[in-house]
Amino acid sequence: MMQKEKLKQAGRIIEEQNIDIWLTLVRETTMNNDPVLPFISKVEFTALTGIMVIKGGRTVVLAGSNDAEGIKQTRLYDEVITYSGNFKNALREFLDERKVLRLAVNYSIEDVASDGLSHGLFLMLQDIVISISDDVEIVSAAPIIAKLRGNKSLAEKKLIVEAIHTAEQIFQDARDFIREGVTEQQIHQFFTDRMKHYEVQSSWQASQCPGVMLGPQSVPGHNAPTEITACKGDVMDIDFGVLKDGYCSDLQRTYYILEDNEECACEEVQRAFDTLKEAVRRAVEFMGPGVTGEEADAEARNYVVSQGYPSWNYALGHQVGRMAHDGGMILAPKSNRYNSSLVEQPMEAGMVFTLEPGIATSRGYVGIEEMVYITETGAEFLSTPQQEIYLLR
């Protein structure tokens, strides 16, 4: 069971970080869910609930009377304590009895994947802690959650690879469909139909997945497909991933519609593609435990710039897991856009990243996006790297 595995992992993490209790505080989760809940719970909650991992690895849930039995039935936790009156009093008593000094809670200033606690619940928790002791320190659980999400188990890695393989198959299927005269909207619909065929969902907002960037008039980025029509000599970048069995893929592939007299892509497009391919190769060779996101980004970015191209205006890559953008550290330059604490973090074994540099050409946007896994000694591709432009007639 995935959640049982992740709860054990959480116990090890809080020991490393000298946390007495990691508390995930939630309520009415169908209305206001927390990004970390799929890792530590199998059910929704209808009342104020505290899921706690205690130093030493014991797991305890403080639950309302209507939720407690359903939580017990999951067999995830060592103990489920039912409160029938005031949650504040029940939590205060629990924390006071255990003489908690460092309490990690589900909020973060920087990482959206760790920031599920509402402001109202934070204020309530402050009142509880103040009433216990001035010595209790409330800290962000972001370092715990980042490791929990980022350091994939072998079972999680397997599910991600399966999502990658399905997306890669749909990219291949599209080679028989895309041709002169089809529109971005028709290409988008083809991918949507293939997802239904393979019984998977889109990794992000369905109206923008895939993102189809066709020819020089198309706007790169996350947007809906348009009526732009494929013409001979156009290059096309498709940004696409699928959600399968709770885990995502996120890839980009480059297609080119040959002119009548062409047997390969034009020189401008081919050179851009080859530059991006080499930048990704260099980054993967460079990456591994201890390398920061800023350093990995620079390895690819500096190469692209050295070949006479401008620097792209987004991160080299991000983590992927239960979501396409899975929070935690990112591969990016230090800037106002990207918080320094997220780009200065070192990689750890088990993390999964995208690498997605891009170059604008007169024929359209050329992009590559691969997925890589951090091993104990370096990094390896999870996706099958695109070695050649997909040529179409």
Protein backbone atom coordinates (compact mmCIF):
# COMPACT_ATOMS: atom_id res chain seq x y z
CA MET A 1 0.00 0.00 0.00
CA MET A 2 1.57 3.25 -1.18
CA GLN A 3 0.44 5.38 1.77
CA LYS A 4 1.80 2.90 4.33
CA GLU A 5 5.16 3.04 2.60
CA LYS A 6 5.17 6.85 2.55
CA LEU A 7 4.20 7.10 6.24
CA LYS A 8 7.18 4.91 7.14
CA GLN A 9 9.35 7.14 4.99
CA ALA A 10 7.98 10.18 6.84
CA GLY A 11 9.01 8.66 10.15
CA ARG A 12 12.60 8.42 8.94
CA ILE A 13 12.53 11.98 7.60
CA ILE A 14 11.36 13.61 10.82
CA GLU A 15 14.07 11.76 12.74
CA GLU A 16 16.66 13.26 10.37
CA GLN A 17 15.22 16.74 10.82
CA ASN A 18 14.80 16.54 14.60
CA ILE A 19 11.04 17.09 14.52
CA ASP A 20 8.96 15.84 17.45
CA ILE A 21 5.67 15.65 15.54
CA TRP A 22 4.68 16.30 11.94
CA LEU A 23 1.06 17.43 12.04
CA THR A 24 -1.12 17.66 8.94
CA LEU A 25 -4.18 19.63 10.00
CA VAL A 26 -7.23 19.47 7.70
CA ARG A 27 -11.01 19.83 7.61
CA GLU A 28 -13.80 19.18 5.05
CA THR A 29 -11.25 17.90 2.60
CA THR A 30 -13.66 17.60 -0.33
CA MET A 31 -13.95 21.39 -0.21
CA ASN A 32 -10.43 22.38 0.88
CA ASN A 33 -8.01 19.54 0.24
CA ASP A 34 -4.30 19.44 1.06
CA PRO A 35 -1.73 18.46 -1.61
CA VAL A 36 0.01 16.03 0.73
CA LEU A 37 -3.09 14.00 1.68
CA PRO A 38 -2.88 11.41 -1.17
CA PHE A 39 0.49 10.34 0.29
CA ILE A 40 -0.75 9.83 3.85
CA SER A 41 -4.48 9.08 3.63
CA LYS A 42 -6.88 6.96 1.61
CA VAL A 43 -10.10 8.69 2.70
CA GLU A 44 -11.65 12.15 2.84
CA PHE A 45 -12.56 13.87 6.13
CA THR A 46 -15.72 15.70 7.13
CA ALA A 47 -14.47 17.18 10.42
CA LEU A 48 -11.31 18.74 11.83
CA THR A 49 -8.62 16.07 11.65
CA GLY A 50 -4.98 15.89 12.67
CA ILE A 51 -2.75 13.29 11.02
CA MET A 52 0.46 12.98 13.03
CA VAL A 53 3.78 11.24 12.51
CA ILE A 54 5.65 11.16 15.81
CA LYS A 55 9.41 10.92 16.28
CA GLY A 56 10.14 7.22 16.38
CA GLY A 57 7.73 6.52 13.52
CA ARG A 58 4.41 6.06 15.32
CA THR A 59 1.40 7.38 13.38
CA VAL A 60 -1.68 8.77 15.11
CA VAL A 61 -4.86 10.38 13.78
CA LEU A 62 -7.09 12.64 15.86
CA ALA A 63 -10.48 12.23 14.17
CA GLY A 64 -14.10 13.24 14.53
CA SER A 65 -16.61 10.60 15.56
CA ASN A 66 -18.16 10.37 12.08
CA ASP A 67 -14.78 9.78 10.42
CA ALA A 68 -12.93 7.61 12.93
CA GLU A 69 -14.28 4.18 11.96
CA GLY A 70 -13.62 4.75 8.26
CA ILE A 71 -10.07 5.82 9.06
CA LYS A 72 -9.51 2.71 11.20
CA GLN A 73 -10.71 0.53 8.32
CA THR A 74 -7.82 1.75 6.14
CA ARG A 75 -5.32 0.11 8.58
CA LEU A 76 -2.83 2.85 7.77
CA TYR A 77 -2.20 4.22 11.23
CA ASP A 78 -0.98 2.85 14.53
CA GLU A 79 -3.71 4.64 16.47
CA VAL A 80 -6.93 6.53 15.74
CA ILE A 81 -8.14 8.73 18.59
CA THR A 82 -11.77 9.76 18.41
CA TYR A 83 -12.82 13.13 19.78
CA SER A 84 -16.51 13.87 20.25
CA GLY A 85 -16.32 17.37 21.67
CA ASN A 86 -13.93 20.24 21.03
CA PHE A 87 -11.07 19.49 18.62
CA LYS A 88 -8.92 22.28 20.07
CA ASN A 89 -9.06 20.76 23.53
CA ALA A 90 -8.33 17.26 22.21
CA LEU A 91 -5.29 18.44 20.23
CA ARG A 92 -4.02 20.60 23.10
CA GLU A 93 -4.19 17.62 25.46
CA PHE A 94 -2.40 15.35 22.99
CA LEU A 95 0.46 17.78 22.34
CA ASP A 96 0.82 18.72 26.00
CA GLU A 97 1.11 15.12 27.12
CA ARG A 98 3.97 14.50 24.71
CA LYS A 99 5.96 17.61 25.68
CA VAL A 100 6.35 18.66 22.07
CA LEU A 101 9.11 21.21 21.35
CA ARG A 102 9.29 21.21 17.52
CA LEU A 103 5.98 20.86 15.70
CA ALA A 104 6.12 20.73 11.88
CA VAL A 105 2.88 21.81 10.21
CA ASN A 106 1.55 21.73 6.63
CA TYR A 107 2.31 25.30 5.54
CA SER A 108 5.01 26.89 3.39
CA ILE A 109 5.85 30.37 2.15
CA GLU A 110 7.67 29.02 -0.92
CA ASP A 111 6.40 25.58 -1.95
CA VAL A 112 2.79 25.25 -3.10
CA ALA A 113 2.91 21.47 -2.63
CA SER A 114 3.49 21.99 1.11
CA ASP A 115 1.07 24.85 1.71
CA GLY A 116 -2.29 23.19 2.36
CA LEU A 117 -3.01 24.67 5.79
CA SER A 118 -5.65 27.41 5.75
CA HIS A 119 -4.97 30.69 7.52
CA GLY A 120 -7.86 30.08 9.89
CA LEU A 121 -6.50 26.71 11.01
CA PHE A 122 -3.03 28.20 11.45
CA LEU A 123 -4.45 30.86 13.79
CA MET A 124 -6.31 28.17 15.73
CA LEU A 125 -3.12 26.13 16.05
CA GLN A 126 -1.20 29.16 17.30
CA ASP A 127 -3.78 29.61 20.07
CA ILE A 128 -3.40 25.96 21.06
CA VAL A 129 0.39 26.08 21.14
CA ILE A 130 0.51 29.38 23.07
CA SER A 131 -1.76 27.86 25.71
CA ILE A 132 0.65 24.91 26.14
CA SER A 133 4.05 26.56 26.42
CA ASP A 134 6.22 29.34 25.04
CA ASP A 135 8.85 26.68 24.31
CA VAL A 136 6.86 24.98 21.52
CA GLU A 137 8.17 25.97 18.09
CA ILE A 138 5.88 25.74 15.04
CA VAL A 139 7.91 25.15 11.86
CA SER A 140 7.02 24.54 8.22
CA ALA A 141 6.67 20.91 7.19
CA ALA A 142 7.89 21.84 3.69
CA PRO A 143 11.27 20.08 4.10
CA ILE A 144 9.46 16.90 5.17
CA ILE A 145 6.86 17.06 2.42
CA ALA A 146 9.45 17.90 -0.24
CA LYS A 147 11.40 14.76 0.63
CA LEU A 148 8.24 12.67 0.89
CA ARG A 149 7.02 13.76 -2.55
CA GLY A 150 10.43 13.99 -4.16
CA ASN A 151 12.16 10.78 -3.10
CA LYS A 152 10.17 8.24 -5.09
CA SER A 153 9.91 4.64 -4.00
CA LEU A 154 10.54 1.92 -6.57
CA ALA A 155 6.78 1.38 -6.78
CA GLU A 156 6.23 5.07 -7.52
CA LYS A 157 9.01 5.05 -10.10
CA LYS A 158 7.35 2.10 -11.84
CA LEU A 159 4.03 3.94 -12.06
CA ILE A 160 5.72 7.03 -13.50
CA VAL A 161 7.48 4.92 -16.12
CA GLU A 162 4.16 3.39 -17.12
CA ALA A 163 2.67 6.87 -17.57
CA ILE A 164 5.70 7.83 -19.67
CA HIS A 165 5.36 4.78 -21.91
CA THR A 166 1.68 5.51 -22.55
CA ALA A 167 2.41 9.13 -23.48
CA GLU A 168 5.26 8.02 -25.75
CA GLN A 169 2.93 5.61 -27.53
CA ILE A 170 0.42 8.38 -28.18
CA PHE A 171 3.20 10.60 -29.54
CA GLN A 172 4.05 7.77 -31.94
CA ASP A 173 0.40 7.28 -32.89
CA ALA A 174 0.21 10.96 -33.81
CA ARG A 175 2.88 10.54 -36.49
CA ASP A 176 0.28 8.81 -38.66
CA PHE A 177 -2.28 11.57 -38.09
CA ILE A 178 -0.46 14.90 -38.29
CA ARG A 179 -0.08 16.18 -41.82
CA GLU A 180 -0.50 19.31 -43.91
CA GLY A 181 -3.93 20.83 -43.40
CA VAL A 182 -4.74 19.66 -39.86
CA THR A 183 -5.30 22.31 -37.18
CA GLU A 184 -4.00 22.59 -33.64
CA GLN A 185 -7.53 21.83 -32.46
CA GLN A 186 -7.70 18.64 -34.52
CA ILE A 187 -4.34 17.51 -33.18
CA HIS A 188 -5.52 18.22 -29.63
CA GLN A 189 -8.67 16.16 -30.27
CA PHE A 190 -6.59 13.27 -31.63
CA PHE A 191 -4.54 13.15 -28.43
CA THR A 192 -7.74 13.38 -26.36
CA ASP A 193 -9.24 10.44 -28.25
CA ARG A 194 -6.09 8.37 -27.80
CA MET A 195 -6.13 9.03 -24.05
CA LYS A 196 -9.64 7.61 -23.96
CA HIS A 197 -8.44 4.61 -25.97
CA TYR A 198 -5.64 3.89 -23.49
CA GLU A 199 -7.91 4.68 -20.52
CA VAL A 200 -5.76 7.46 -19.09
CA GLN A 201 -6.31 11.12 -18.27
CA SER A 202 -4.38 14.28 -19.05
CA SER A 203 -1.57 15.26 -16.67
CA TRP A 204 -2.88 18.81 -16.42
CA GLN A 205 -5.88 20.89 -17.52
CA ALA A 206 -7.50 18.92 -20.33
CA SER A 207 -8.16 21.97 -22.51
CA GLN A 208 -4.40 22.64 -22.60
CA CYS A 209 -3.07 19.07 -22.65
CA PRO A 210 -1.60 18.54 -25.10
CA GLY A 211 -0.20 21.96 -25.69
CA VAL A 212 0.14 22.22 -29.47
CA MET A 213 2.61 24.80 -30.79
CA LEU A 214 2.31 24.68 -34.57
CA GLY A 215 4.35 26.94 -36.84
CA PRO A 216 5.65 30.48 -36.30
CA GLN A 217 2.26 32.03 -35.41
CA SER A 218 1.56 29.75 -32.46
CA VAL A 219 2.26 31.11 -28.98
CA PRO A 220 4.55 28.86 -26.90
CA GLY A 221 3.41 27.94 -23.41
CA HIS A 222 0.34 26.64 -21.64
CA ASN A 223 -2.67 27.62 -23.71
CA ALA A 224 -5.54 26.06 -25.62
CA PRO A 225 -5.21 24.92 -29.26
CA THR A 226 -6.27 27.27 -32.05
CA GLU A 227 -7.36 27.02 -35.69
CA ILE A 228 -3.77 27.48 -36.90
CA THR A 229 -3.30 25.00 -39.74
CA ALA A 230 -0.26 22.85 -40.45
CA CYS A 231 1.68 23.87 -43.54
CA LYS A 232 4.66 22.32 -45.27
CA GLY A 233 7.87 23.57 -43.68
CA ASP A 234 6.28 24.06 -40.24
CA VAL A 235 7.90 22.75 -37.11
CA MET A 236 5.64 21.69 -34.26
CA ASP A 237 6.25 21.18 -30.56
CA ILE A 238 3.71 19.14 -28.59
CA ASP A 239 3.75 19.33 -24.77
CA PHE A 240 1.88 16.35 -23.36
CA GLY A 241 1.59 13.92 -20.48
CA VAL A 242 -0.86 11.43 -19.05
CA LEU A 243 -2.11 10.59 -15.59
CA LYS A 244 -2.19 6.84 -15.05
CA ASP A 245 -2.85 5.04 -11.76
CA GLY A 246 -2.27 8.26 -9.82
CA TYR A 247 1.09 9.25 -11.39
CA CYS A 248 2.00 11.58 -14.24
CA SER A 249 4.28 11.98 -17.21
CA ASP A 250 5.28 15.27 -18.87
CA LEU A 251 7.08 15.22 -22.23
CA GLN A 252 7.60 17.30 -25.37
CA ARG A 253 8.24 16.06 -28.89
CA THR A 254 9.19 17.92 -32.07
CA TYR A 255 7.56 17.21 -35.47
CA TYR A 256 8.36 18.71 -38.87
CA ILE A 257 6.21 18.71 -42.03
CA LEU A 258 8.50 18.25 -44.99
CA GLU A 259 8.46 20.50 -48.01
CA ASP A 260 7.94 18.73 -51.34
CA ASN A 261 11.64 18.77 -52.13
CA GLU A 262 12.88 17.91 -48.63
CA GLU A 263 14.05 14.62 -47.17
CA CYS A 264 14.97 16.13 -43.79
CA ALA A 265 14.13 19.17 -41.69
CA CYS A 266 15.51 22.52 -42.79
CA GLU A 267 18.93 23.47 -41.43
CA GLU A 268 17.58 26.09 -39.00
CA VAL A 269 15.20 23.65 -37.31
CA GLN A 270 17.67 20.75 -37.33
CA ARG A 271 20.42 22.85 -35.72
CA ALA A 272 18.06 24.05 -32.99
CA PHE A 273 16.93 20.49 -32.28
CA ASP A 274 20.50 19.16 -32.16
CA THR A 275 21.49 21.96 -29.78
CA LEU A 276 18.65 21.14 -27.39
CA LYS A 277 19.37 17.43 -27.55
CA GLU A 278 23.01 18.03 -26.62
CA ALA A 279 22.02 20.43 -23.82
CA VAL A 280 19.76 17.77 -22.31
CA ARG A 281 22.46 15.11 -22.65
CA ARG A 282 24.99 17.33 -20.87
CA ALA A 283 22.55 18.10 -18.07
CA VAL A 284 21.75 14.43 -17.45
CA GLU A 285 25.45 13.55 -17.41
CA PHE A 286 26.05 16.35 -14.90
CA MET A 287 23.11 15.64 -12.58
CA GLY A 288 23.20 13.50 -9.45
CA PRO A 289 22.90 13.62 -5.66
CA GLY A 290 24.27 16.88 -4.27
CA VAL A 291 23.90 18.88 -7.49
CA THR A 292 21.65 21.92 -7.03
CA GLY A 293 18.82 22.95 -9.31
CA GLU A 294 20.67 26.13 -10.20
CA GLU A 295 23.77 24.17 -11.23
CA ALA A 296 21.84 21.72 -13.42
CA ASP A 297 19.99 24.54 -15.14
CA ALA A 298 23.25 26.35 -15.84
CA GLU A 299 24.80 23.26 -17.42
CA ALA A 300 22.11 23.12 -20.12
CA ARG A 301 21.45 26.85 -20.41
CA ASN A 302 25.10 27.83 -20.84
CA TYR A 303 25.51 25.33 -23.65
CA VAL A 304 22.48 26.63 -25.57
CA VAL A 305 23.68 30.22 -25.18
CA SER A 306 27.20 29.22 -26.27
CA GLN A 307 25.70 28.09 -29.58
CA GLY A 308 24.38 31.59 -30.26
CA TYR A 309 20.81 31.18 -29.01
CA PRO A 310 19.07 33.34 -26.41
CA SER A 311 18.40 31.96 -22.95
CA TRP A 312 14.83 30.65 -22.57
CA ASN A 313 12.67 32.46 -20.03
CA TYR A 314 11.59 29.58 -17.76
CA ALA A 315 13.09 26.80 -15.66
CA LEU A 316 15.02 23.95 -17.23
CA GLY A 317 12.85 21.51 -15.33
CA HIS A 318 10.62 20.58 -12.41
CA GLN A 319 9.75 17.51 -10.39
CA VAL A 320 7.05 15.10 -11.55
CA GLY A 321 5.04 12.64 -9.49
CA ARG A 322 1.40 12.63 -8.55
CA MET A 323 1.18 15.92 -10.42
CA ALA A 324 3.00 17.10 -13.53
CA HIS A 325 4.40 20.01 -11.52
CA ASP A 326 5.00 18.24 -8.24
CA GLY A 327 6.50 20.97 -6.05
CA GLY A 328 9.79 20.97 -4.18
CA MET A 329 13.14 21.91 -5.69
CA ILE A 330 13.29 23.04 -9.31
CA LEU A 331 15.99 23.31 -11.96
CA ALA A 332 16.17 27.05 -12.58
CA PRO A 333 18.40 30.10 -12.35
CA LYS A 334 18.23 32.15 -9.20
CA SER A 335 15.90 35.08 -9.97
CA ASN A 336 12.88 37.02 -8.78
CA ARG A 337 10.70 34.40 -10.45
CA TYR A 338 12.27 31.38 -8.74
CA ASN A 339 12.82 31.39 -5.00
CA SER A 340 16.46 30.85 -4.07
CA SER A 341 15.67 28.16 -1.51
CA LEU A 342 14.04 25.99 -4.20
CA VAL A 343 16.90 26.28 -6.73
CA GLU A 344 19.72 25.96 -4.20
CA GLN A 345 18.51 22.63 -2.82
CA PRO A 346 20.65 19.57 -3.61
CA MET A 347 19.23 16.66 -5.57
CA GLU A 348 18.66 13.37 -3.81
CA ALA A 349 18.34 9.82 -5.09
CA GLY A 350 14.77 9.00 -6.05
CA MET A 351 13.82 12.40 -7.46
CA VAL A 352 12.23 12.63 -10.91
CA PHE A 353 12.70 15.73 -13.06
CA THR A 354 11.80 17.05 -16.48
CA LEU A 355 14.41 18.72 -18.69
CA GLU A 356 12.72 21.07 -21.15
CA PRO A 357 14.83 23.69 -22.94
CA GLY A 358 13.41 25.36 -26.06
CA ILE A 359 14.41 27.54 -29.01
CA ALA A 360 12.19 29.75 -31.17
CA THR A 361 12.88 29.54 -34.94
CA SER A 362 11.36 31.19 -37.99
CA ARG A 363 9.49 27.91 -38.65
CA GLY A 364 8.06 27.65 -35.13
CA TYR A 365 9.07 26.64 -31.62
CA VAL A 366 11.46 23.71 -31.18
CA GLY A 367 11.26 21.99 -27.82
CA ILE A 368 12.50 18.86 -26.10
CA GLU A 369 11.25 17.57 -22.77
CA GLU A 370 12.57 14.38 -21.25
CA MET A 371 12.14 12.82 -17.82
CA VAL A 372 15.08 11.68 -15.70
CA TYR A 373 15.55 9.83 -12.42
CA ILE A 374 18.25 10.64 -9.87
CA THR A 375 20.17 7.51 -8.88
CA GLU A 376 22.65 6.99 -6.04
CA THR A 377 25.52 7.92 -8.37
CA GLY A 378 24.08 10.13 -11.11
CA ALA A 379 20.99 10.36 -13.29
CA GLU A 380 19.27 8.19 -15.88
CA PHE A 381 16.57 8.74 -18.49
CA LEU A 382 13.13 7.41 -17.65
CA SER A 383 11.75 8.52 -21.01
CA THR A 384 13.17 7.31 -24.31
CA PRO A 385 15.04 10.39 -25.53
CA GLN A 386 13.91 11.75 -28.89
CA GLN A 387 16.99 11.36 -31.06
CA GLU A 388 15.55 12.58 -34.37
CA ILE A 389 12.85 15.03 -35.38
CA TYR A 390 9.61 13.25 -36.32
CA LEU A 391 9.38 13.91 -40.08
CA LEU A 392 5.92 14.02 -41.66
CA ARG A 393 4.46 14.33 -45.14
